[in-house]
Amino acid sequence: MEYVFKTGIVLLLCALSIVSCAQIRELTYPEGFTYLEKDEVESLMQSMGESIGALNQLVTEAAPSGTVQQQQIIAELNKLEAYATRLSGGHTQTNQFVISDHIEGFISDIGTAKTFARLDPPKYNKVADVTNACADCHKLR
């Protein structure tokens, strides 16, 4: 009996070593769950930080009637929204619980900022809500 148990354990370990972690996650996490690797989260956060910096600079330099600047700001908001959506796991439950608590509100703030930025003349005051949201969330950590 002990031999069968040990053989079973060895076979199980061999099988698990063949199967990748991603495949194991498909079996162990519920459907609709997105596992975000630490490196991916760090990369997305880095990209978001760079995008926030670019947004701050664009808004600071924006003229009230500058349509080129308006389009650049909207494009940067679109980029930031894409990063945030990836960080949200495509609006699914993820293993990043602290991020999950705040990311949907952040994405909503980006949408509001884009709406105000598209006005004629554009209003960029909601962009400040987006850039401040990063500092507010990271202050908690």
C-alpha atoms as a PDB file:
ATOM      1  CA  MET A   1       0.000   0.000   0.000  1.00  0.00           C
ATOM      2  CA  GLU A   2       2.813   2.399   0.866  1.00  0.00           C
ATOM      3  CA  TYR A   3       4.491   1.655  -2.475  1.00  0.00           C
ATOM      4  CA  VAL A   4       1.295   2.556  -4.364  1.00  0.00           C
ATOM      5  CA  PHE A   5       0.975   5.808  -2.397  1.00  0.00           C
ATOM      6  CA  LYS A   6       4.598   6.826  -3.075  1.00  0.00           C
ATOM      7  CA  THR A   7       4.278   5.889  -6.739  1.00  0.00           C
ATOM      8  CA  GLY A   8       1.101   7.967  -6.960  1.00  0.00           C
ATOM      9  CA  ILE A   9       2.840  10.965  -5.415  1.00  0.00           C
ATOM     10  CA  VAL A  10       5.801  10.646  -7.816  1.00  0.00           C
ATOM     11  CA  LEU A  11       3.460  10.381 -10.807  1.00  0.00           C
ATOM     12  CA  LEU A  12       1.493  13.388  -9.614  1.00  0.00           C
ATOM     13  CA  LEU A  13       4.654  15.460  -9.197  1.00  0.00           C
ATOM     14  CA  CYS A  14       5.857  14.437 -12.652  1.00  0.00           C
ATOM     15  CA  ALA A  15       2.518  15.383 -14.170  1.00  0.00           C
ATOM     16  CA  LEU A  16       2.530  18.734 -12.406  1.00  0.00           C
ATOM     17  CA  SER A  17       6.050  19.500 -13.592  1.00  0.00           C
ATOM     18  CA  ILE A  18       4.931  18.938 -17.168  1.00  0.00           C
ATOM     19  CA  VAL A  19       1.899  21.179 -16.829  1.00  0.00           C
ATOM     20  CA  SER A  20       2.662  24.901 -16.760  1.00  0.00           C
ATOM     21  CA  CYS A  21       1.565  27.203 -13.964  1.00  0.00           C
ATOM     22  CA  ALA A  22      -0.867  28.920 -16.306  1.00  0.00           C
ATOM     23  CA  GLN A  23      -2.538  25.606 -17.064  1.00  0.00           C
ATOM     24  CA  ILE A  24      -2.764  24.787 -13.363  1.00  0.00           C
ATOM     25  CA  ARG A  25      -4.361  28.195 -12.736  1.00  0.00           C
ATOM     26  CA  GLU A  26      -7.048  27.360 -15.293  1.00  0.00           C
ATOM     27  CA  LEU A  27      -7.973  24.398 -13.137  1.00  0.00           C
ATOM     28  CA  THR A  28      -7.644  26.026  -9.722  1.00  0.00           C
ATOM     29  CA  TYR A  29      -9.130  29.501 -10.254  1.00  0.00           C
ATOM     30  CA  PRO A  30     -12.793  30.128 -11.038  1.00  0.00           C
ATOM     31  CA  GLU A  31     -13.973  30.977 -14.528  1.00  0.00           C
ATOM     32  CA  GLY A  32     -13.757  34.697 -15.192  1.00  0.00           C
ATOM     33  CA  PHE A  33     -10.715  35.091 -12.923  1.00  0.00           C
ATOM     34  CA  THR A  34      -7.580  36.700 -14.310  1.00  0.00           C
ATOM     35  CA  TYR A  35      -4.233  35.982 -12.689  1.00  0.00           C
ATOM     36  CA  LEU A  36      -1.835  38.910 -13.065  1.00  0.00           C
ATOM     37  CA  GLU A  37       1.853  38.157 -12.676  1.00  0.00           C
ATOM     38  CA  LYS A  38       3.862  40.499 -10.444  1.00  0.00           C
ATOM     39  CA  ASP A  39       6.100  41.540 -13.368  1.00  0.00           C
ATOM     40  CA  GLU A  40       3.070  42.415 -15.492  1.00  0.00           C
ATOM     41  CA  VAL A  41       1.573  44.526 -12.698  1.00  0.00           C
ATOM     42  CA  GLU A  42       4.860  46.356 -12.189  1.00  0.00           C
ATOM     43  CA  SER A  43       5.231  46.981 -15.927  1.00  0.00           C
ATOM     44  CA  LEU A  44       1.673  48.298 -16.243  1.00  0.00           C
ATOM     45  CA  MET A  45       2.125  50.530 -13.186  1.00  0.00           C
ATOM     46  CA  GLN A  46       5.355  51.896 -14.663  1.00  0.00           C
ATOM     47  CA  SER A  47       3.590  52.628 -17.970  1.00  0.00           C
ATOM     48  CA  MET A  48       0.703  54.278 -16.131  1.00  0.00           C
ATOM     49  CA  GLY A  49       3.121  56.465 -14.179  1.00  0.00           C
ATOM     50  CA  GLU A  50       4.793  57.588 -17.390  1.00  0.00           C
ATOM     51  CA  SER A  51       1.392  58.307 -18.913  1.00  0.00           C
ATOM     52  CA  ILE A  52       0.349  60.343 -15.859  1.00  0.00           C
ATOM     53  CA  GLY A  53       3.557  62.368 -16.170  1.00  0.00           C
ATOM     54  CA  ALA A  54       2.868  63.016 -19.860  1.00  0.00           C
ATOM     55  CA  LEU A  55      -0.724  64.034 -19.051  1.00  0.00           C
ATOM     56  CA  ASN A  56       0.426  66.497 -16.406  1.00  0.00           C
ATOM     57  CA  GLN A  57       2.846  68.087 -18.829  1.00  0.00           C
ATOM     58  CA  LEU A  58       0.290  68.249 -21.665  1.00  0.00           C
ATOM     59  CA  VAL A  59      -2.362  69.836 -19.444  1.00  0.00           C
ATOM     60  CA  THR A  60       0.122  72.321 -17.995  1.00  0.00           C
ATOM     61  CA  GLU A  61       1.145  73.445 -21.486  1.00  0.00           C
ATOM     62  CA  ALA A  62      -2.355  73.324 -23.019  1.00  0.00           C
ATOM     63  CA  ALA A  63      -3.824  76.484 -24.519  1.00  0.00           C
ATOM     64  CA  PRO A  64      -7.603  76.966 -24.103  1.00  0.00           C
ATOM     65  CA  SER A  65      -8.242  76.567 -27.815  1.00  0.00           C
ATOM     66  CA  GLY A  66      -5.378  74.261 -28.797  1.00  0.00           C
ATOM     67  CA  THR A  67      -7.005  71.444 -30.774  1.00  0.00           C
ATOM     68  CA  VAL A  68      -3.706  69.630 -31.331  1.00  0.00           C
ATOM     69  CA  GLN A  69      -3.064  69.652 -27.589  1.00  0.00           C
ATOM     70  CA  GLN A  70      -6.651  68.582 -26.976  1.00  0.00           C
ATOM     71  CA  GLN A  71      -6.169  65.553 -29.239  1.00  0.00           C
ATOM     72  CA  GLN A  72      -2.859  64.708 -27.546  1.00  0.00           C
ATOM     73  CA  ILE A  73      -4.499  64.817 -24.121  1.00  0.00           C
ATOM     74  CA  ILE A  74      -7.375  62.606 -25.275  1.00  0.00           C
ATOM     75  CA  ALA A  75      -4.891  60.177 -26.854  1.00  0.00           C
ATOM     76  CA  GLU A  76      -2.906  60.014 -23.609  1.00  0.00           C
ATOM     77  CA  LEU A  77      -6.120  59.410 -21.644  1.00  0.00           C
ATOM     78  CA  ASN A  78      -6.963  56.575 -24.076  1.00  0.00           C
ATOM     79  CA  LYS A  79      -3.517  55.058 -23.477  1.00  0.00           C
ATOM     80  CA  LEU A  80      -3.939  55.345 -19.721  1.00  0.00           C
ATOM     81  CA  GLU A  81      -7.386  53.755 -19.941  1.00  0.00           C
ATOM     82  CA  ALA A  82      -5.950  50.829 -21.915  1.00  0.00           C
ATOM     83  CA  TYR A  83      -3.262  50.259 -19.262  1.00  0.00           C
ATOM     84  CA  ALA A  84      -5.845  50.467 -16.469  1.00  0.00           C
ATOM     85  CA  THR A  85      -8.171  48.046 -18.253  1.00  0.00           C
ATOM     86  CA  ARG A  86      -5.324  45.545 -18.606  1.00  0.00           C
ATOM     87  CA  LEU A  87      -4.540  46.042 -14.920  1.00  0.00           C
ATOM     88  CA  SER A  88      -8.184  45.335 -14.103  1.00  0.00           C
ATOM     89  CA  GLY A  89      -7.867  41.977 -15.847  1.00  0.00           C
ATOM     90  CA  GLY A  90     -10.263  43.182 -18.517  1.00  0.00           C
ATOM     91  CA  HIS A  91     -12.895  44.037 -15.889  1.00  0.00           C
ATOM     92  CA  THR A  92     -12.688  40.596 -14.241  1.00  0.00           C
ATOM     93  CA  GLN A  93     -11.756  39.452 -10.757  1.00  0.00           C
ATOM     94  CA  THR A  94      -7.985  39.288 -10.287  1.00  0.00           C
ATOM     95  CA  ASN A  95      -5.467  38.221  -7.671  1.00  0.00           C
ATOM     96  CA  GLN A  96      -4.584  41.901  -7.134  1.00  0.00           C
ATOM     97  CA  PHE A  97      -7.130  42.674  -4.416  1.00  0.00           C
ATOM     98  CA  VAL A  98      -5.987  46.198  -3.510  1.00  0.00           C
ATOM     99  CA  ILE A  99      -5.939  47.177  -7.176  1.00  0.00           C
ATOM    100  CA  SER A 100      -9.346  45.568  -7.706  1.00  0.00           C
ATOM    101  CA  ASP A 101     -10.801  47.760  -4.967  1.00  0.00           C
ATOM    102  CA  HIS A 102      -9.878  50.954  -6.839  1.00  0.00           C
ATOM    103  CA  ILE A 103      -9.319  50.283 -10.541  1.00  0.00           C
ATOM    104  CA  GLU A 104     -12.928  50.459 -11.766  1.00  0.00           C
ATOM    105  CA  GLY A 105     -13.366  53.881 -10.159  1.00  0.00           C
ATOM    106  CA  PHE A 106     -10.090  54.969 -11.724  1.00  0.00           C
ATOM    107  CA  ILE A 107     -11.243  53.818 -15.167  1.00  0.00           C
ATOM    108  CA  SER A 108     -14.501  55.701 -14.635  1.00  0.00           C
ATOM    109  CA  ASP A 109     -12.542  58.855 -13.721  1.00  0.00           C
ATOM    110  CA  ILE A 110     -10.572  58.505 -16.957  1.00  0.00           C
ATOM    111  CA  GLY A 111     -13.831  58.277 -18.924  1.00  0.00           C
ATOM    112  CA  THR A 112     -15.126  61.427 -17.237  1.00  0.00           C
ATOM    113  CA  ALA A 113     -11.844  63.237 -17.940  1.00  0.00           C
ATOM    114  CA  LYS A 114     -12.092  62.254 -21.626  1.00  0.00           C
ATOM    115  CA  THR A 115     -15.676  63.556 -21.813  1.00  0.00           C
ATOM    116  CA  PHE A 116     -14.627  66.921 -20.384  1.00  0.00           C
ATOM    117  CA  ALA A 117     -11.505  67.049 -22.565  1.00  0.00           C
ATOM    118  CA  ARG A 118     -13.657  66.619 -25.701  1.00  0.00           C
ATOM    119  CA  LEU A 119     -15.763  69.708 -24.911  1.00  0.00           C
ATOM    120  CA  ASP A 120     -15.409  72.889 -26.950  1.00  0.00           C
ATOM    121  CA  PRO A 121     -13.597  74.556 -25.291  1.00  0.00           C
ATOM    122  CA  PRO A 122     -12.039  71.598 -23.482  1.00  0.00           C
ATOM    123  CA  LYS A 123     -12.067  71.394 -19.703  1.00  0.00           C
ATOM    124  CA  TYR A 124      -9.072  69.650 -18.195  1.00  0.00           C
ATOM    125  CA  ASN A 125      -9.982  69.932 -14.508  1.00  0.00           C
ATOM    126  CA  LYS A 126     -11.107  66.275 -14.443  1.00  0.00           C
ATOM    127  CA  VAL A 127      -7.639  65.187 -15.588  1.00  0.00           C
ATOM    128  CA  ALA A 128      -6.448  66.351 -12.168  1.00  0.00           C
ATOM    129  CA  ASP A 129      -8.869  63.862 -10.577  1.00  0.00           C
ATOM    130  CA  VAL A 130      -7.179  61.094 -12.566  1.00  0.00           C
ATOM    131  CA  THR A 131      -3.644  62.143 -11.699  1.00  0.00           C
ATOM    132  CA  ASN A 132      -4.559  62.682  -8.034  1.00  0.00           C
ATOM    133  CA  ALA A 133      -6.202  59.244  -7.868  1.00  0.00           C
ATOM    134  CA  CYS A 134      -2.806  57.619  -8.337  1.00  0.00           C
ATOM    135  CA  ALA A 135      -1.306  59.532  -5.433  1.00  0.00           C
ATOM    136  CA  ASP A 136      -4.372  58.879  -3.268  1.00  0.00           C
ATOM    137  CA  CYS A 137      -4.268  55.116  -3.862  1.00  0.00           C
ATOM    138  CA  HIS A 138      -0.510  54.815  -3.429  1.00  0.00           C
ATOM    139  CA  LYS A 139      -0.699  56.863  -0.234  1.00  0.00           C
ATOM    140  CA  LEU A 140      -2.625  53.901   1.245  1.00  0.00           C
ATOM    141  CA  ARG A 141       0.300  51.544   0.642  1.00  0.00           C
END
